[in-house]
Amino acid sequence: MGFTLFKHLSAETKFEATRSRLKYLSWLGVLGHPLYYVFWSIVFPQAYEGLLVRLVALLPIIGWLIWDYKIKNETKFFIFYSYSVIACTLPFFFTYMYLMNEASPVWLGSLICCILYLALIVDLIKLIIMFALGSLFAFVAAYIAGFNMLPSLVYLEHLPIVAFALLGGITFKLAEIMTIKRNNDRAIALAGTIAHELRTPMMGIKLELDMLLEEIENNSASEDYENNLNNLFRHHRKSSFLIDSLLQNVQTGEIDTKGFQLLHIKKIIDEVILYYPFSQTQQKLIAWDHNQDFLFYGDTMLMGQVLMNLIRNALFSVAAAEKGDIYIHIGSDEKHNYIIVEDRGLGMSEKDIRHMFDRFYSKSRGGAGLGLAFCYRVIMSFKGNISCRSIEGEFTQVKISLPKVGG
């Protein structure tokens, strides 16, 4: 039980959630540093306060806000820089000011606020590590700056207060983790129940169809009757495909790469268009060159669900705009093969493009915001990349790039 819980803790908060929270904290810092400089230097003067220290604290925050505005996909360096900004802005800065101000009540209270803010932004493991490292580096920096070391009794007296705030933050994170876990379990259970309830009658239909086809073959029934039954089989396969897609989209765990193999993209596109329940009108909107193909290393079901999500979104865009067609392009460059799903429908805003792969982000009413986040996870597991280019009112292009492989 305990091992399972702490295994869940380390992956509890995805970076996309941390990024969103850090954005609001950064704007709070941009406004708060100048404001509190005035408070602590003019209105209620403190022992240690200065414009320079505030500017130094502001620079990484402003740098992060600019980078966050420009970047669409998180790189490893951006993630590292983001967590560094959090560590510097909260535990390091507030502990440093607490020490330089000779453990004043004002900065003791500020340090407690810092712990609570940190608990709101990052997961439990990062909360503990960041506070420990930030405080340690703050002691080193204050020592180098020559802070006035008070009798140890003063710090020992404040230690239970800081520890109480830290334990409160840890308790908050534990409660948050369990709530998120329960909600995820409920969503997955709901999807599993729906899938199970649908599969049961569908299996009965399939068994009936098997018997009917056998009777038709024995009695030499009309060809039209046999075609109708074959169509029922085709609808059964389509429904099964949709159920598998639903179950995959709500999963949050790591994608298992053990079963990945060399696959032909052409075959998967053909199967998606065949098994997805498109209407005749929708079928006519989709165009692609059936002679184009490439090999990639991945999973048939996962790639099929990615393409199905992209085509479904494209159909929604075209229908909402009441204009346009859908094109599926296949090509390659020096290192990658790529597939582009393009529609000439609504298009997307820059804000939507920045957040389109975020879990639970959806611009459509009633959308769950799971499909594109799932696409992103799948393509990353294929060692590829997925990106988007769009102009509102004109077009949207979603490009999947996959490394070239032999075959």
Protein backbone atom coordinates (compact mmCIF):
# COMPACT_ATOMS: atom_id res chain seq x y z
CA MET A 1 0.00 0.00 0.00
CA GLY A 2 2.68 2.50 1.02
CA PHE A 3 4.94 1.60 -1.90
CA THR A 4 2.07 2.03 -4.36
CA LEU A 5 1.19 5.40 -2.88
CA PHE A 6 4.70 6.82 -3.07
CA LYS A 7 5.15 5.39 -6.56
CA HIS A 8 2.09 7.42 -7.46
CA LEU A 9 3.41 10.52 -5.67
CA SER A 10 6.46 10.88 -7.89
CA ALA A 11 4.29 11.07 -11.03
CA GLU A 12 1.28 12.77 -9.48
CA THR A 13 1.68 16.25 -10.90
CA LYS A 14 2.40 16.53 -14.57
CA PHE A 15 4.62 19.39 -15.69
CA GLU A 16 1.76 20.93 -17.69
CA ALA A 17 -0.11 21.57 -14.42
CA THR A 18 3.03 22.98 -12.78
CA ARG A 19 3.59 25.22 -15.79
CA SER A 20 0.08 26.65 -15.56
CA ARG A 21 0.44 27.36 -11.84
CA LEU A 22 3.90 28.83 -12.27
CA LYS A 23 2.52 31.29 -14.79
CA TYR A 24 0.16 32.79 -12.21
CA LEU A 25 2.86 32.75 -9.53
CA SER A 26 5.25 34.54 -11.89
CA TRP A 27 2.79 37.37 -12.51
CA LEU A 28 2.25 37.58 -8.77
CA GLY A 29 6.03 37.93 -8.38
CA VAL A 30 6.23 40.62 -11.07
CA LEU A 31 3.63 42.66 -9.20
CA GLY A 32 4.66 41.67 -5.68
CA HIS A 33 8.39 42.42 -5.74
CA PRO A 34 8.05 46.17 -6.51
CA LEU A 35 5.06 46.49 -4.17
CA TYR A 36 6.73 44.80 -1.23
CA TYR A 37 9.96 46.67 -1.86
CA VAL A 38 7.98 49.83 -1.13
CA PHE A 39 6.36 48.24 1.94
CA TRP A 40 9.57 46.92 3.52
CA SER A 41 11.87 49.83 2.62
CA ILE A 42 9.60 52.87 3.06
CA VAL A 43 6.30 52.08 4.78
CA PHE A 44 7.58 49.47 7.28
CA PRO A 45 11.39 49.54 6.97
CA GLN A 46 13.15 46.22 7.55
CA ALA A 47 16.74 45.59 8.58
CA TYR A 48 17.67 44.26 5.13
CA GLU A 49 15.92 45.34 1.92
CA GLY A 50 17.17 46.66 -1.39
CA LEU A 51 16.19 47.38 -4.97
CA LEU A 52 19.07 45.33 -6.33
CA VAL A 53 18.04 42.12 -4.54
CA ARG A 54 14.49 42.57 -5.83
CA LEU A 55 15.71 43.06 -9.41
CA VAL A 56 17.91 39.96 -9.19
CA ALA A 57 14.90 37.98 -7.97
CA LEU A 58 12.73 39.35 -10.79
CA LEU A 59 15.04 38.59 -13.73
CA PRO A 60 14.57 34.79 -13.85
CA ILE A 61 10.80 35.24 -13.45
CA ILE A 62 10.56 37.67 -16.37
CA GLY A 63 12.81 35.40 -18.43
CA TRP A 64 10.52 32.45 -17.72
CA LEU A 65 7.37 34.40 -18.69
CA ILE A 66 8.89 35.39 -22.04
CA TRP A 67 10.03 31.82 -22.74
CA ASP A 68 6.68 30.40 -21.67
CA TYR A 69 4.88 32.71 -24.13
CA LYS A 70 7.07 31.68 -27.06
CA ILE A 71 7.52 27.95 -26.48
CA LYS A 72 4.79 25.46 -27.43
CA ASN A 73 6.30 22.09 -26.55
CA GLU A 74 8.24 21.56 -23.33
CA THR A 75 11.92 20.79 -23.84
CA LYS A 76 13.99 19.18 -21.10
CA PHE A 77 15.94 22.40 -20.58
CA PHE A 78 12.72 24.43 -20.30
CA ILE A 79 11.40 22.04 -17.65
CA PHE A 80 14.71 22.22 -15.75
CA TYR A 81 14.71 26.03 -15.97
CA SER A 82 11.09 26.18 -14.75
CA TYR A 83 11.83 24.17 -11.63
CA SER A 84 14.99 26.22 -11.04
CA VAL A 85 12.90 29.41 -11.15
CA ILE A 86 10.50 27.95 -8.58
CA ALA A 87 13.37 26.95 -6.27
CA CYS A 88 15.01 30.38 -6.55
CA THR A 89 11.79 32.38 -6.29
CA LEU A 90 10.37 30.61 -3.26
CA PRO A 91 12.57 28.64 -0.81
CA PHE A 92 15.88 30.27 -1.71
CA PHE A 93 14.69 33.90 -1.78
CA PHE A 94 12.47 33.76 1.30
CA THR A 95 14.96 31.82 3.43
CA TYR A 96 17.74 34.21 2.39
CA MET A 97 15.66 37.27 3.31
CA TYR A 98 14.62 35.62 6.59
CA LEU A 99 18.29 35.16 7.54
CA MET A 100 19.42 38.59 6.34
CA ASN A 101 16.60 40.24 8.32
CA GLU A 102 17.75 38.53 11.50
CA ALA A 103 14.79 36.10 11.69
CA SER A 104 12.26 38.92 11.97
CA PRO A 105 8.56 38.05 12.49
CA VAL A 106 7.74 39.64 9.12
CA TRP A 107 10.06 37.31 7.23
CA LEU A 108 9.16 34.31 9.36
CA GLY A 109 5.56 34.80 8.22
CA SER A 110 6.73 35.31 4.65
CA LEU A 111 8.71 32.06 4.80
CA ILE A 112 5.57 30.21 5.93
CA CYS A 113 3.66 31.72 2.97
CA CYS A 114 6.49 30.56 0.71
CA ILE A 115 6.02 26.95 1.87
CA LEU A 116 2.29 27.08 1.18
CA TYR A 117 2.85 28.55 -2.31
CA LEU A 118 5.40 25.84 -3.02
CA ALA A 119 2.89 23.18 -1.96
CA LEU A 120 0.37 24.61 -4.43
CA ILE A 121 2.74 24.46 -7.40
CA VAL A 122 4.76 21.25 -7.26
CA ASP A 123 4.22 17.64 -6.25
CA LEU A 124 5.16 16.23 -2.86
CA ILE A 125 8.62 14.89 -3.71
CA LYS A 126 9.66 18.16 -5.39
CA LEU A 127 8.23 20.14 -2.46
CA ILE A 128 10.56 18.39 -0.02
CA ILE A 129 13.62 18.44 -2.30
CA MET A 130 13.19 22.07 -3.39
CA PHE A 131 12.65 23.36 0.13
CA ALA A 132 15.67 21.48 1.43
CA LEU A 133 18.02 22.55 -1.38
CA GLY A 134 16.67 26.12 -1.58
CA SER A 135 17.10 26.61 2.15
CA LEU A 136 20.60 25.10 2.08
CA PHE A 137 21.78 27.38 -0.72
CA ALA A 138 20.15 30.34 1.02
CA PHE A 139 22.23 29.64 4.17
CA VAL A 140 25.37 29.49 2.03
CA ALA A 141 24.50 32.75 0.23
CA ALA A 142 23.64 34.51 3.48
CA TYR A 143 26.89 33.31 5.05
CA ILE A 144 28.88 34.68 2.10
CA ALA A 145 26.94 37.97 2.34
CA GLY A 146 27.94 38.18 6.01
CA PHE A 147 24.56 37.93 7.74
CA ASN A 148 24.36 38.56 11.46
CA MET A 149 24.17 35.08 13.04
CA LEU A 150 21.74 35.12 15.98
CA PRO A 151 21.89 32.77 18.96
CA SER A 152 20.82 29.28 17.93
CA LEU A 153 17.90 29.42 20.37
CA VAL A 154 16.16 31.97 18.12
CA TYR A 155 16.26 29.65 15.12
CA LEU A 156 15.30 26.65 17.24
CA GLU A 157 12.30 28.59 18.50
CA HIS A 158 11.18 29.27 14.93
CA LEU A 159 11.90 25.75 13.71
CA PRO A 160 8.62 24.20 14.99
CA ILE A 161 6.65 26.97 13.26
CA VAL A 162 8.39 26.35 9.92
CA ALA A 163 8.08 22.58 10.41
CA PHE A 164 4.36 22.96 11.11
CA ALA A 165 3.90 24.91 7.86
CA LEU A 166 5.94 22.31 5.94
CA LEU A 167 3.90 19.45 7.42
CA GLY A 168 0.74 21.34 6.48
CA GLY A 169 1.99 21.58 2.90
CA ILE A 170 2.83 17.87 2.85
CA THR A 171 -0.60 17.00 4.25
CA PHE A 172 -2.24 19.18 1.61
CA LYS A 173 -0.32 17.40 -1.15
CA LEU A 174 -1.24 13.97 0.23
CA ALA A 175 -4.91 14.94 0.24
CA GLU A 176 -4.60 16.34 -3.28
CA ILE A 177 -2.88 13.18 -4.52
CA MET A 178 -5.58 10.92 -3.10
CA THR A 179 -8.33 13.12 -4.58
CA ILE A 180 -6.72 13.07 -8.02
CA LYS A 181 -6.17 9.34 -7.79
CA ARG A 182 -9.80 8.75 -6.82
CA ASN A 183 -11.05 10.91 -9.70
CA ASN A 184 -8.79 9.12 -12.17
CA ASP A 185 -9.91 5.75 -10.85
CA ARG A 186 -13.55 6.80 -11.19
CA ALA A 187 -13.06 8.01 -14.76
CA ILE A 188 -11.23 4.83 -15.75
CA ALA A 189 -13.84 2.69 -13.98
CA LEU A 190 -16.63 4.55 -15.77
CA ALA A 191 -14.99 4.06 -19.15
CA GLY A 192 -14.36 0.40 -18.32
CA THR A 193 -18.00 -0.08 -17.33
CA ILE A 194 -19.25 1.53 -20.54
CA ALA A 195 -16.89 -0.58 -22.61
CA HIS A 196 -17.90 -3.76 -20.79
CA GLU A 197 -21.61 -3.05 -21.13
CA LEU A 198 -21.19 -2.36 -24.85
CA ARG A 199 -19.01 -5.37 -25.53
CA THR A 200 -21.44 -7.84 -23.97
CA PRO A 201 -24.40 -7.25 -26.33
CA MET A 202 -22.04 -6.79 -29.26
CA MET A 203 -20.59 -10.22 -28.63
CA GLY A 204 -24.10 -11.61 -28.66
CA ILE A 205 -24.75 -9.89 -32.00
CA LYS A 206 -21.56 -11.38 -33.40
CA LEU A 207 -22.55 -14.89 -32.33
CA GLU A 208 -25.97 -14.47 -33.95
CA LEU A 209 -24.32 -13.23 -37.13
CA ASP A 210 -22.00 -16.24 -37.18
CA MET A 211 -24.97 -18.59 -37.04
CA LEU A 212 -26.93 -16.65 -39.66
CA LEU A 213 -24.00 -16.64 -42.06
CA GLU A 214 -23.61 -20.38 -41.61
CA GLU A 215 -27.30 -20.88 -42.42
CA ILE A 216 -27.01 -18.64 -45.46
CA GLU A 217 -24.07 -20.62 -46.79
CA ASN A 218 -25.93 -23.90 -46.29
CA ASN A 219 -29.17 -22.66 -47.83
CA SER A 220 -27.64 -20.56 -50.60
CA ALA A 221 -29.42 -17.36 -49.55
CA SER A 222 -29.47 -14.30 -51.76
CA GLU A 223 -26.30 -12.29 -52.24
CA ASP A 224 -27.96 -9.10 -50.99
CA TYR A 225 -28.90 -10.74 -47.72
CA GLU A 226 -25.34 -11.91 -47.25
CA ASN A 227 -23.99 -8.42 -47.98
CA ASN A 228 -26.28 -6.93 -45.36
CA LEU A 229 -24.96 -9.33 -42.75
CA ASN A 230 -21.39 -8.57 -43.74
CA ASN A 231 -22.16 -4.90 -43.21
CA LEU A 232 -23.31 -5.73 -39.69
CA PHE A 233 -19.95 -7.35 -39.06
CA ARG A 234 -18.26 -4.21 -40.33
CA HIS A 235 -20.26 -2.05 -37.88
CA HIS A 236 -19.28 -4.42 -35.10
CA ARG A 237 -15.59 -3.90 -35.90
CA LYS A 238 -16.09 -0.13 -36.01
CA SER A 239 -17.76 -0.11 -32.59
CA SER A 240 -14.96 -2.21 -31.11
CA PHE A 241 -12.42 0.23 -32.54
CA LEU A 242 -14.20 3.17 -30.89
CA ILE A 243 -14.36 1.40 -27.53
CA ASP A 244 -10.63 0.65 -27.65
CA SER A 245 -10.02 4.33 -28.44
CA LEU A 246 -12.08 5.47 -25.46
CA LEU A 247 -10.19 3.21 -23.08
CA GLN A 248 -6.80 4.31 -24.41
CA ASN A 249 -7.64 8.04 -24.23
CA VAL A 250 -8.51 7.98 -20.52
CA GLN A 251 -5.36 6.10 -19.48
CA THR A 252 -2.74 8.19 -17.65
CA GLY A 253 0.07 5.67 -17.12
CA GLU A 254 3.23 5.21 -19.14
CA ILE A 255 2.80 3.69 -22.59
CA ASP A 256 4.26 0.18 -22.79
CA THR A 257 6.80 0.09 -25.63
CA LYS A 258 7.68 -3.61 -25.38
CA GLY A 259 5.31 -4.64 -28.16
CA PHE A 260 6.41 -1.99 -30.67
CA GLN A 261 7.32 -3.27 -34.14
CA LEU A 262 7.96 -2.11 -37.71
CA LEU A 263 4.69 -1.04 -39.34
CA HIS A 264 3.44 0.43 -42.62
CA ILE A 265 1.68 3.76 -42.21
CA LYS A 266 -0.42 3.20 -45.36
CA LYS A 267 -2.07 0.08 -43.94
CA ILE A 268 -2.99 1.88 -40.72
CA ILE A 269 -4.54 4.84 -42.56
CA ASP A 270 -6.59 2.46 -44.69
CA GLU A 271 -7.85 0.64 -41.57
CA VAL A 272 -8.76 3.88 -39.77
CA ILE A 273 -10.78 5.15 -42.72
CA LEU A 274 -12.41 1.73 -43.14
CA TYR A 275 -13.33 1.06 -39.49
CA TYR A 276 -14.16 4.54 -38.22
CA PRO A 277 -17.90 5.16 -38.66
CA PHE A 278 -17.70 7.97 -41.20
CA SER A 279 -20.82 9.00 -43.06
CA GLN A 280 -20.73 9.00 -46.85
CA THR A 281 -20.49 12.81 -46.79
CA GLN A 282 -17.51 12.67 -44.44
CA GLN A 283 -15.79 10.04 -46.57
CA LYS A 284 -15.93 12.38 -49.55
CA LEU A 285 -14.17 15.13 -47.57
CA ILE A 286 -11.04 13.03 -46.94
CA ALA A 287 -8.37 12.82 -49.63
CA TRP A 288 -4.93 11.22 -49.59
CA ASP A 289 -2.45 9.55 -51.94
CA HIS A 290 -2.82 5.79 -51.46
CA ASN A 291 0.52 5.17 -53.18
CA GLN A 292 2.55 6.86 -50.42
CA ASP A 293 3.92 4.79 -47.55
CA PHE A 294 6.74 4.54 -45.01
CA LEU A 295 7.86 2.29 -42.19
CA PHE A 296 7.89 3.36 -38.56
CA TYR A 297 8.50 1.70 -35.21
CA GLY A 298 5.38 1.67 -33.04
CA ASP A 299 1.99 0.10 -32.40
CA THR A 300 -0.90 -0.37 -34.84
CA MET A 301 -3.69 0.32 -32.37
CA LEU A 302 -2.02 3.40 -30.85
CA MET A 303 -1.17 5.00 -34.19
CA GLY A 304 -4.67 4.20 -35.46
CA GLN A 305 -6.19 6.00 -32.50
CA VAL A 306 -3.89 8.99 -33.02
CA LEU A 307 -4.94 9.30 -36.66
CA MET A 308 -8.58 8.76 -35.75
CA ASN A 309 -8.43 11.61 -33.21
CA LEU A 310 -6.80 13.95 -35.73
CA ILE A 311 -9.27 13.11 -38.50
CA ARG A 312 -12.20 13.45 -36.11
CA ASN A 313 -10.98 16.91 -35.05
CA ALA A 314 -10.54 17.87 -38.70
CA LEU A 315 -14.10 16.76 -39.49
CA PHE A 316 -15.39 18.84 -36.57
CA SER A 317 -13.47 21.89 -37.86
CA VAL A 318 -14.82 21.52 -41.38
CA ALA A 319 -18.38 20.95 -40.16
CA ALA A 320 -18.25 23.96 -37.80
CA ALA A 321 -16.87 26.20 -40.56
CA GLU A 322 -19.33 24.78 -43.12
CA LYS A 323 -16.51 24.71 -45.63
CA GLY A 324 -13.29 22.94 -46.50
CA ASP A 325 -11.82 19.53 -47.13
CA ILE A 326 -9.37 17.23 -45.35
CA TYR A 327 -6.03 16.16 -46.81
CA ILE A 328 -3.64 13.51 -45.50
CA HIS A 329 -0.09 14.07 -46.77
CA ILE A 330 2.83 11.66 -46.41
CA GLY A 331 6.43 12.73 -46.97
CA SER A 332 9.97 12.64 -45.67
CA ASP A 333 13.08 14.72 -45.12
CA GLU A 334 16.68 13.77 -44.37
CA LYS A 335 16.05 12.20 -40.95
CA HIS A 336 12.30 11.82 -40.58
CA ASN A 337 9.18 10.54 -42.24
CA TYR A 338 6.09 12.57 -41.60
CA ILE A 339 2.34 12.54 -41.98
CA ILE A 340 0.26 15.72 -42.07
CA VAL A 341 -3.47 15.88 -41.40
CA GLU A 342 -4.71 19.16 -42.84
CA ASP A 343 -8.18 20.68 -42.89
CA ARG A 344 -9.42 23.90 -44.47
CA GLY A 345 -11.95 24.60 -41.77
CA LEU A 346 -12.07 26.85 -38.71
CA GLY A 347 -8.35 27.16 -38.02
CA MET A 348 -6.97 27.80 -34.54
CA SER A 349 -5.80 30.75 -32.46
CA GLU A 350 -2.24 31.00 -31.13
CA LYS A 351 -3.57 30.35 -27.61
CA ASP A 352 -5.29 27.15 -28.72
CA ILE A 353 -2.12 25.98 -30.50
CA ARG A 354 -0.04 26.56 -27.35
CA HIS A 355 -2.39 24.49 -25.21
CA MET A 356 -3.83 21.97 -27.66
CA PHE A 357 -1.76 19.07 -26.29
CA ASP A 358 -2.51 19.90 -22.64
CA ARG A 359 -4.61 17.32 -20.86
CA PHE A 360 -8.24 18.46 -20.34
CA TYR A 361 -7.81 21.51 -22.60
CA SER A 362 -10.58 21.74 -25.20
CA LYS A 363 -11.93 24.62 -27.23
CA SER A 364 -15.06 22.69 -28.25
CA ARG A 365 -18.11 22.67 -26.01
CA GLY A 366 -18.50 19.28 -24.39
CA GLY A 367 -14.98 18.19 -25.32
CA ALA A 368 -13.03 16.29 -22.69
CA GLY A 369 -9.61 17.52 -23.81
CA LEU A 370 -8.14 14.02 -23.76
CA GLY A 371 -7.68 13.12 -27.44
CA LEU A 372 -4.79 15.41 -28.40
CA ALA A 373 -3.01 14.91 -25.07
CA PHE A 374 -3.20 11.18 -25.78
CA CYS A 375 -1.82 11.78 -29.31
CA TYR A 376 1.13 13.67 -27.85
CA ARG A 377 1.96 10.86 -25.40
CA VAL A 378 1.77 8.23 -28.11
CA ILE A 379 3.97 10.06 -30.60
CA MET A 380 6.54 10.78 -27.87
CA SER A 381 6.60 7.05 -27.08
CA PHE A 382 7.37 6.46 -30.78
CA LYS A 383 10.42 8.78 -30.37
CA GLY A 384 8.72 11.24 -32.70
CA ASN A 385 7.26 14.73 -32.53
CA ILE A 386 3.84 16.25 -33.13
CA SER A 387 3.29 19.91 -33.92
CA CYS A 388 0.63 22.21 -35.30
CA ARG A 389 0.48 25.13 -37.72
CA SER A 390 -2.73 27.04 -38.22
CA ILE A 391 -4.33 30.31 -39.28
CA GLU A 392 -7.76 31.14 -37.90
CA GLY A 393 -10.47 30.90 -40.53
CA GLU A 394 -8.15 29.29 -43.09
CA PHE A 395 -6.51 25.98 -42.20
CA THR A 396 -4.97 23.70 -39.57
CA GLN A 397 -2.05 21.34 -40.17
CA VAL A 398 -1.05 18.77 -37.57
CA LYS A 399 2.30 17.20 -38.42
CA ILE A 400 3.60 13.93 -37.01
CA SER A 401 7.34 13.38 -37.52
CA LEU A 402 8.79 9.91 -36.94
CA PRO A 403 12.41 8.80 -37.18
CA LYS A 404 13.36 6.89 -40.32
CA VAL A 405 13.90 3.18 -39.86
CA GLY A 406 15.16 0.43 -42.11
CA GLY A 407 12.93 -2.20 -43.61
